[in-house]
Amino acid sequence: MRLVCTFAKAYCRDTTLHVAHDGPCSGTVKPTGTVISVSTIPPLYTGSEAVLDFFCTFLSHESCTTATDEICGSDNVTYNNP
């Protein structure tokens, strides 16, 4: 299983992101650590939205492992576990 903790946190902020390929992006800067703010979900939502909200809320309180593994996001940013 790939270590994609940092990318998963970025995906929680922007669900349009996708993994472009394994390894670093060419000519990009790695993201800095940020705090995730989870927005409130409207009262009516799909099951997948509920699961995503639960996962992102849980993940926002977790530290990513120190093992390194790089992936390139569709936003041309290299995500890794520092």
PDB file of N, CA and C in Angstrom:
ATOM      1  N   MET A   1       0.841  -1.188   0.000  1.00  0.00           N
ATOM      2  CA  MET A   1       0.000   0.000   0.000  1.00  0.00           C
ATOM      3  C   MET A   1       0.886   1.251   0.000  1.00  0.00           C
ATOM      4  N   ARG A   2       0.590   2.165  -0.873  1.00  0.00           N
ATOM      5  CA  ARG A   2       1.356   3.402  -0.968  1.00  0.00           C
ATOM      6  C   ARG A   2       1.075   4.295   0.233  1.00  0.00           C
ATOM      7  N   LEU A   3       2.084   5.016   0.663  1.00  0.00           N
ATOM      8  CA  LEU A   3       1.927   5.967   1.754  1.00  0.00           C
ATOM      9  C   LEU A   3       1.503   7.299   1.151  1.00  0.00           C
ATOM     10  N   VAL A   4       0.229   7.606   1.201  1.00  0.00           N
ATOM     11  CA  VAL A   4      -0.296   8.798   0.542  1.00  0.00           C
ATOM     12  C   VAL A   4      -1.007   9.725   1.523  1.00  0.00           C
ATOM     13  N   CYS A   5      -0.571   9.748   2.755  1.00  0.00           N
ATOM     14  CA  CYS A   5      -1.216  10.543   3.790  1.00  0.00           C
ATOM     15  C   CYS A   5      -1.294  12.022   3.415  1.00  0.00           C
ATOM     16  N   THR A   6      -0.190  12.610   3.008  1.00  0.00           N
ATOM     17  CA  THR A   6      -0.166  14.031   2.677  1.00  0.00           C
ATOM     18  C   THR A   6      -1.075  14.321   1.494  1.00  0.00           C
ATOM     19  N   PHE A   7      -1.048  13.453   0.478  1.00  0.00           N
ATOM     20  CA  PHE A   7      -1.933  13.634  -0.668  1.00  0.00           C
ATOM     21  C   PHE A   7      -3.388  13.503  -0.241  1.00  0.00           C
ATOM     22  N   ALA A   8      -3.698  12.536   0.626  1.00  0.00           N
ATOM     23  CA  ALA A   8      -5.076  12.347   1.095  1.00  0.00           C
ATOM     24  C   ALA A   8      -5.582  13.596   1.799  1.00  0.00           C
ATOM     25  N   LYS A   9      -4.730  14.237   2.584  1.00  0.00           N
ATOM     26  CA  LYS A   9      -5.129  15.478   3.252  1.00  0.00           C
ATOM     27  C   LYS A   9      -5.409  16.574   2.221  1.00  0.00           C
ATOM     28  N   ALA A  10      -4.584  16.657   1.178  1.00  0.00           N
ATOM     29  CA  ALA A  10      -4.814  17.643   0.121  1.00  0.00           C
ATOM     30  C   ALA A  10      -6.112  17.333  -0.614  1.00  0.00           C
ATOM     31  N   TYR A  11      -6.398  16.052  -0.832  1.00  0.00           N
ATOM     32  CA  TYR A  11      -7.631  15.645  -1.501  1.00  0.00           C
ATOM     33  C   TYR A  11      -8.850  16.044  -0.676  1.00  0.00           C
ATOM     34  N   CYS A  12      -8.738  15.969   0.635  1.00  0.00           N
ATOM     35  CA  CYS A  12      -9.850  16.384   1.500  1.00  0.00           C
ATOM     36  C   CYS A  12     -10.160  17.867   1.315  1.00  0.00           C
ATOM     37  N   ARG A  13      -9.155  18.663   0.984  1.00  0.00           N
ATOM     38  CA  ARG A  13      -9.373  20.085   0.728  1.00  0.00           C
ATOM     39  C   ARG A  13      -9.854  20.334  -0.697  1.00  0.00           C
ATOM     40  N   ASP A  14      -9.477  19.458  -1.632  1.00  0.00           N
ATOM     41  CA  ASP A  14      -9.820  19.643  -3.043  1.00  0.00           C
ATOM     42  C   ASP A  14     -10.055  18.283  -3.681  1.00  0.00           C
ATOM     43  N   THR A  15     -11.326  17.877  -3.780  1.00  0.00           N
ATOM     44  CA  THR A  15     -11.663  16.541  -4.284  1.00  0.00           C
ATOM     45  C   THR A  15     -11.505  16.409  -5.795  1.00  0.00           C
ATOM     46  N   THR A  16     -11.037  17.464  -6.467  1.00  0.00           N
ATOM     47  CA  THR A  16     -10.768  17.331  -7.900  1.00  0.00           C
ATOM     48  C   THR A  16      -9.360  16.807  -8.156  1.00  0.00           C
ATOM     49  N   LEU A  17      -8.539  16.701  -7.103  1.00  0.00           N
ATOM     50  CA  LEU A  17      -7.178  16.179  -7.260  1.00  0.00           C
ATOM     51  C   LEU A  17      -7.190  14.685  -7.541  1.00  0.00           C
ATOM     52  N   HIS A  18      -6.222  14.241  -8.318  1.00  0.00           N
ATOM     53  CA  HIS A  18      -6.015  12.826  -8.604  1.00  0.00           C
ATOM     54  C   HIS A  18      -4.516  12.574  -8.641  1.00  0.00           C
ATOM     55  N   VAL A  19      -4.111  11.324  -8.467  1.00  0.00           N
ATOM     56  CA  VAL A  19      -2.699  10.975  -8.577  1.00  0.00           C
ATOM     57  C   VAL A  19      -2.353  10.919 -10.058  1.00  0.00           C
ATOM     58  N   ALA A  20      -1.422  11.748 -10.472  1.00  0.00           N
ATOM     59  CA  ALA A  20      -0.998  11.758 -11.871  1.00  0.00           C
ATOM     60  C   ALA A  20      -0.054  10.592 -12.141  1.00  0.00           C
ATOM     61  N   HIS A  21       0.895  10.354 -11.228  1.00  0.00           N
ATOM     62  CA  HIS A  21       1.827   9.229 -11.346  1.00  0.00           C
ATOM     63  C   HIS A  21       2.615   9.096 -10.061  1.00  0.00           C
ATOM     64  N   ASP A  22       3.238   7.929  -9.862  1.00  0.00           N
ATOM     65  CA  ASP A  22       4.123   7.730  -8.719  1.00  0.00           C
ATOM     66  C   ASP A  22       5.386   8.552  -8.929  1.00  0.00           C
ATOM     67  N   GLY A  23       6.003   8.961  -7.849  1.00  0.00           N
ATOM     68  CA  GLY A  23       7.227   9.739  -7.922  1.00  0.00           C
ATOM     69  C   GLY A  23       6.943  11.224  -7.940  1.00  0.00           C
ATOM     70  N   PRO A  24       8.011  12.027  -7.868  1.00  0.00           N
ATOM     71  CA  PRO A  24       7.843  13.478  -7.808  1.00  0.00           C
ATOM     72  C   PRO A  24       7.401  14.065  -9.141  1.00  0.00           C
ATOM     73  N   CYS A  25       6.745  15.218  -9.066  1.00  0.00           N
ATOM     74  CA  CYS A  25       6.412  15.971 -10.269  1.00  0.00           C
ATOM     75  C   CYS A  25       7.693  16.657 -10.736  1.00  0.00           C
ATOM     76  N   SER A  26       7.797  16.894 -12.013  1.00  0.00           N
ATOM     77  CA  SER A  26       9.002  17.562 -12.509  1.00  0.00           C
ATOM     78  C   SER A  26       8.840  19.071 -12.378  1.00  0.00           C
ATOM     79  N   GLY A  27       9.828  19.705 -11.745  1.00  0.00           N
ATOM     80  CA  GLY A  27       9.851  21.163 -11.640  1.00  0.00           C
ATOM     81  C   GLY A  27       8.790  21.775 -10.758  1.00  0.00           C
ATOM     82  N   THR A  28       8.396  21.102  -9.689  1.00  0.00           N
ATOM     83  CA  THR A  28       7.394  21.665  -8.793  1.00  0.00           C
ATOM     84  C   THR A  28       7.932  21.746  -7.379  1.00  0.00           C
ATOM     85  N   VAL A  29       7.241  22.510  -6.563  1.00  0.00           N
ATOM     86  CA  VAL A  29       7.606  22.673  -5.162  1.00  0.00           C
ATOM     87  C   VAL A  29       6.709  21.782  -4.325  1.00  0.00           C
ATOM     88  N   LYS A  30       7.286  21.140  -3.323  1.00  0.00           N
ATOM     89  CA  LYS A  30       6.512  20.289  -2.434  1.00  0.00           C
ATOM     90  C   LYS A  30       5.661  21.159  -1.523  1.00  0.00           C
ATOM     91  N   PRO A  31       4.436  20.713  -1.183  1.00  0.00           N
ATOM     92  CA  PRO A  31       3.551  21.516  -0.340  1.00  0.00           C
ATOM     93  C   PRO A  31       4.086  21.615   1.077  1.00  0.00           C
ATOM     94  N   THR A  32       3.763  22.725   1.728  1.00  0.00           N
ATOM     95  CA  THR A  32       4.138  22.883   3.127  1.00  0.00           C
ATOM     96  C   THR A  32       3.028  22.329   3.995  1.00  0.00           C
ATOM     97  N   GLY A  33       3.327  22.057   5.253  1.00  0.00           N
ATOM     98  CA  GLY A  33       2.319  21.549   6.174  1.00  0.00           C
ATOM     99  C   GLY A  33       1.235  22.584   6.394  1.00  0.00           C
ATOM    100  N   THR A  34       0.006  22.143   6.336  1.00  0.00           N
ATOM    101  CA  THR A  34      -1.120  23.039   6.551  1.00  0.00           C
ATOM    102  C   THR A  34      -2.115  22.386   7.480  1.00  0.00           C
ATOM    103  N   VAL A  35      -2.966  23.209   8.055  1.00  0.00           N
ATOM    104  CA  VAL A  35      -4.038  22.703   8.900  1.00  0.00           C
ATOM    105  C   VAL A  35      -5.281  22.588   8.048  1.00  0.00           C
ATOM    106  N   ILE A  36      -5.944  21.455   8.139  1.00  0.00           N
ATOM    107  CA  ILE A  36      -7.152  21.235   7.360  1.00  0.00           C
ATOM    108  C   ILE A  36      -8.350  21.735   8.145  1.00  0.00           C
ATOM    109  N   SER A  37      -9.157  22.554   7.507  1.00  0.00           N
ATOM    110  CA  SER A  37     -10.408  22.946   8.134  1.00  0.00           C
ATOM    111  C   SER A  37     -11.525  22.249   7.374  1.00  0.00           C
ATOM    112  N   VAL A  38     -12.278  21.450   8.074  1.00  0.00           N
ATOM    113  CA  VAL A  38     -13.352  20.691   7.451  1.00  0.00           C
ATOM    114  C   VAL A  38     -14.617  21.524   7.520  1.00  0.00           C
ATOM    115  N   SER A  39     -15.223  21.768   6.365  1.00  0.00           N
ATOM    116  CA  SER A  39     -16.440  22.561   6.346  1.00  0.00           C
ATOM    117  C   SER A  39     -17.635  21.710   6.759  1.00  0.00           C
ATOM    118  N   THR A  40     -18.688  22.387   7.173  1.00  0.00           N
ATOM    119  CA  THR A  40     -19.890  21.654   7.563  1.00  0.00           C
ATOM    120  C   THR A  40     -20.608  21.162   6.324  1.00  0.00           C
ATOM    121  N   ILE A  41     -21.210  20.015   6.432  1.00  0.00           N
ATOM    122  CA  ILE A  41     -21.931  19.405   5.320  1.00  0.00           C
ATOM    123  C   ILE A  41     -23.417  19.723   5.479  1.00  0.00           C
ATOM    124  N   PRO A  42     -24.096  20.061   4.397  1.00  0.00           N
ATOM    125  CA  PRO A  42     -25.535  20.312   4.479  1.00  0.00           C
ATOM    126  C   PRO A  42     -26.261  19.089   5.037  1.00  0.00           C
ATOM    127  N   PRO A  43     -27.453  19.271   5.593  1.00  0.00           N
ATOM    128  CA  PRO A  43     -28.175  18.156   6.205  1.00  0.00           C
ATOM    129  C   PRO A  43     -28.423  16.975   5.267  1.00  0.00           C
ATOM    130  N   LEU A  44     -28.624  17.223   3.979  1.00  0.00           N
ATOM    131  CA  LEU A  44     -28.850  16.140   3.022  1.00  0.00           C
ATOM    132  C   LEU A  44     -27.583  15.925   2.215  1.00  0.00           C
ATOM    133  N   TYR A  45     -27.060  14.699   2.259  1.00  0.00           N
ATOM    134  CA  TYR A  45     -25.845  14.385   1.516  1.00  0.00           C
ATOM    135  C   TYR A  45     -25.815  12.901   1.207  1.00  0.00           C
ATOM    136  N   THR A  46     -24.994  12.559   0.237  1.00  0.00           N
ATOM    137  CA  THR A  46     -24.895  11.165  -0.184  1.00  0.00           C
ATOM    138  C   THR A  46     -24.053  10.370   0.796  1.00  0.00           C
ATOM    139  N   GLY A  47     -24.144   9.067   0.703  1.00  0.00           N
ATOM    140  CA  GLY A  47     -23.336   8.201   1.553  1.00  0.00           C
ATOM    141  C   GLY A  47     -21.853   8.418   1.338  1.00  0.00           C
ATOM    142  N   SER A  48     -21.441   8.603   0.076  1.00  0.00           N
ATOM    143  CA  SER A  48     -20.018   8.815  -0.191  1.00  0.00           C
ATOM    144  C   SER A  48     -19.542  10.131   0.405  1.00  0.00           C
ATOM    145  N   GLU A  49     -20.395  11.147   0.409  1.00  0.00           N
ATOM    146  CA  GLU A  49     -20.029  12.413   1.042  1.00  0.00           C
ATOM    147  C   GLU A  49     -19.884  12.243   2.552  1.00  0.00           C
ATOM    148  N   ALA A  50     -20.750  11.435   3.149  1.00  0.00           N
ATOM    149  CA  ALA A  50     -20.672  11.185   4.590  1.00  0.00           C
ATOM    150  C   ALA A  50     -19.382  10.454   4.934  1.00  0.00           C
ATOM    151  N   VAL A  51     -19.029   9.459   4.122  1.00  0.00           N
ATOM    152  CA  VAL A  51     -17.797   8.702   4.352  1.00  0.00           C
ATOM    153  C   VAL A  51     -16.586   9.613   4.165  1.00  0.00           C
ATOM    154  N   LEU A  52     -16.590  10.438   3.112  1.00  0.00           N
ATOM    155  CA  LEU A  52     -15.479  11.351   2.866  1.00  0.00           C
ATOM    156  C   LEU A  52     -15.332  12.334   4.024  1.00  0.00           C
ATOM    157  N   ASP A  53     -16.442  12.870   4.516  1.00  0.00           N
ATOM    158  CA  ASP A  53     -16.393  13.802   5.639  1.00  0.00           C
ATOM    159  C   ASP A  53     -15.820  13.121   6.877  1.00  0.00           C
ATOM    160  N   PHE A  54     -16.267  11.898   7.147  1.00  0.00           N
ATOM    161  CA  PHE A  54     -15.761  11.156   8.301  1.00  0.00           C
ATOM    162  C   PHE A  54     -14.261  10.912   8.159  1.00  0.00           C
ATOM    163  N   PHE A  55     -13.844  10.440   6.983  1.00  0.00           N
ATOM    164  CA  PHE A  55     -12.434  10.152   6.735  1.00  0.00           C
ATOM    165  C   PHE A  55     -11.584  11.411   6.869  1.00  0.00           C
ATOM    166  N   CYS A  56     -12.028  12.503   6.260  1.00  0.00           N
ATOM    167  CA  CYS A  56     -11.248  13.741   6.291  1.00  0.00           C
ATOM    168  C   CYS A  56     -11.180  14.321   7.697  1.00  0.00           C
ATOM    169  N   THR A  57     -12.268  14.224   8.451  1.00  0.00           N
ATOM    170  CA  THR A  57     -12.251  14.692   9.837  1.00  0.00           C
ATOM    171  C   THR A  57     -11.265  13.874  10.649  1.00  0.00           C
ATOM    172  N   PHE A  58     -11.302  12.556  10.496  1.00  0.00           N
ATOM    173  CA  PHE A  58     -10.374  11.677  11.205  1.00  0.00           C
ATOM    174  C   PHE A  58      -8.936  11.968  10.792  1.00  0.00           C
ATOM    175  N   LEU A  59      -8.703  12.065   9.484  1.00  0.00           N
ATOM    176  CA  LEU A  59      -7.358  12.272   8.958  1.00  0.00           C
ATOM    177  C   LEU A  59      -6.780  13.615   9.382  1.00  0.00           C
ATOM    178  N   SER A  60      -7.630  14.624   9.555  1.00  0.00           N
ATOM    179  CA  SER A  60      -7.130  15.951   9.927  1.00  0.00           C
ATOM    180  C   SER A  60      -6.482  15.959  11.305  1.00  0.00           C
ATOM    181  N   HIS A  61      -6.784  14.958  12.122  1.00  0.00           N
ATOM    182  CA  HIS A  61      -6.212  14.865  13.463  1.00  0.00           C
ATOM    183  C   HIS A  61      -5.037  13.889  13.537  1.00  0.00           C
ATOM    184  N   GLU A  62      -4.651  13.298  12.423  1.00  0.00           N
ATOM    185  CA  GLU A  62      -3.570  12.316  12.388  1.00  0.00           C
ATOM    186  C   GLU A  62      -2.298  12.932  11.814  1.00  0.00           C
ATOM    187  N   SER A  63      -1.171  12.477  12.318  1.00  0.00           N
ATOM    188  CA  SER A  63       0.118  12.871  11.752  1.00  0.00           C
ATOM    189  C   SER A  63       0.503  11.858  10.688  1.00  0.00           C
ATOM    190  N   CYS A  64       1.066  12.343   9.612  1.00  0.00           N
ATOM    191  CA  CYS A  64       1.525  11.443   8.559  1.00  0.00           C
ATOM    192  C   CYS A  64       2.828  10.790   9.007  1.00  0.00           C
ATOM    193  N   THR A  65       3.032   9.559   8.592  1.00  0.00           N
ATOM    194  CA  THR A  65       4.223   8.799   8.952  1.00  0.00           C
ATOM    195  C   THR A  65       5.487   9.482   8.446  1.00  0.00           C
ATOM    196  N   THR A  66       6.614   9.120   9.021  1.00  0.00           N
ATOM    197  CA  THR A  66       7.880   9.716   8.596  1.00  0.00           C
ATOM    198  C   THR A  66       8.500   8.987   7.411  1.00  0.00           C
ATOM    199  N   ALA A  67       7.920   7.858   6.996  1.00  0.00           N
ATOM    200  CA  ALA A  67       8.427   7.153   5.813  1.00  0.00           C
ATOM    201  C   ALA A  67       8.171   8.020   4.586  1.00  0.00           C
ATOM    202  N   THR A  68       9.105   8.022   3.653  1.00  0.00           N
ATOM    203  CA  THR A  68       8.930   8.862   2.470  1.00  0.00           C
ATOM    204  C   THR A  68       8.392   8.049   1.304  1.00  0.00           C
ATOM    205  N   ASP A  69       7.501   8.651   0.587  1.00  0.00           N
ATOM    206  CA  ASP A  69       6.921   8.075  -0.617  1.00  0.00           C
ATOM    207  C   ASP A  69       6.340   9.246  -1.384  1.00  0.00           C
ATOM    208  N   GLU A  70       6.768   9.459  -2.615  1.00  0.00           N
ATOM    209  CA  GLU A  70       6.320  10.609  -3.380  1.00  0.00           C
ATOM    210  C   GLU A  70       5.336  10.208  -4.460  1.00  0.00           C
ATOM    211  N   ILE A  71       4.324  11.059  -4.654  1.00  0.00           N
ATOM    212  CA  ILE A  71       3.407  10.916  -5.777  1.00  0.00           C
ATOM    213  C   ILE A  71       3.180  12.304  -6.353  1.00  0.00           C
ATOM    214  N   CYS A  72       2.855  12.348  -7.628  1.00  0.00           N
ATOM    215  CA  CYS A  72       2.585  13.611  -8.302  1.00  0.00           C
ATOM    216  C   CYS A  72       1.081  13.758  -8.449  1.00  0.00           C
ATOM    217  N   GLY A  73       0.536  14.857  -7.950  1.00  0.00           N
ATOM    218  CA  GLY A  73      -0.895  15.110  -8.055  1.00  0.00           C
ATOM    219  C   GLY A  73      -1.247  15.737  -9.389  1.00  0.00           C
ATOM    220  N   SER A  74      -2.533  15.682  -9.731  1.00  0.00           N
ATOM    221  CA  SER A  74      -2.988  16.260 -10.989  1.00  0.00           C
ATOM    222  C   SER A  74      -2.840  17.780 -11.003  1.00  0.00           C
ATOM    223  N   ASP A  75      -2.551  18.376  -9.834  1.00  0.00           N
ATOM    224  CA  ASP A  75      -2.285  19.811  -9.754  1.00  0.00           C
ATOM    225  C   ASP A  75      -0.800  20.116  -9.956  1.00  0.00           C
ATOM    226  N   ASN A  76      -0.024  19.101 -10.351  1.00  0.00           N
ATOM    227  CA  ASN A  76       1.413  19.189 -10.607  1.00  0.00           C
ATOM    228  C   ASN A  76       2.202  19.545  -9.349  1.00  0.00           C
ATOM    229  N   VAL A  77       1.719  19.077  -8.194  1.00  0.00           N
ATOM    230  CA  VAL A  77       2.409  19.243  -6.913  1.00  0.00           C
ATOM    231  C   VAL A  77       2.863  17.872  -6.457  1.00  0.00           C
ATOM    232  N   THR A  78       4.106  17.766  -5.988  1.00  0.00           N
ATOM    233  CA  THR A  78       4.614  16.512  -5.449  1.00  0.00           C
ATOM    234  C   THR A  78       4.184  16.398  -3.998  1.00  0.00           C
ATOM    235  N   TYR A  79       3.468  15.319  -3.669  1.00  0.00           N
ATOM    236  CA  TYR A  79       3.025  15.058  -2.305  1.00  0.00           C
ATOM    237  C   TYR A  79       3.864  13.924  -1.748  1.00  0.00           C
ATOM    238  N   ASN A  80       4.321  14.090  -0.518  1.00  0.00           N
ATOM    239  CA  ASN A  80       5.094  13.032   0.112  1.00  0.00           C
ATOM    240  C   ASN A  80       4.855  13.063   1.602  1.00  0.00           C
ATOM    241  N   ASN A  81       5.268  12.011   2.244  1.00  0.00           N
ATOM    242  CA  ASN A  81       5.276  11.971   3.697  1.00  0.00           C
ATOM    243  C   ASN A  81       6.688  12.335   4.100  1.00  0.00           C
ATOM    244  N   PRO A  82       6.869  13.559   4.629  1.00  0.00           N
ATOM    245  CA  PRO A  82       8.222  14.044   4.917  1.00  0.00           C
ATOM    246  C   PRO A  82       8.963  13.206   5.933  1.00  0.00           C
TER     247      PRO A  82
END
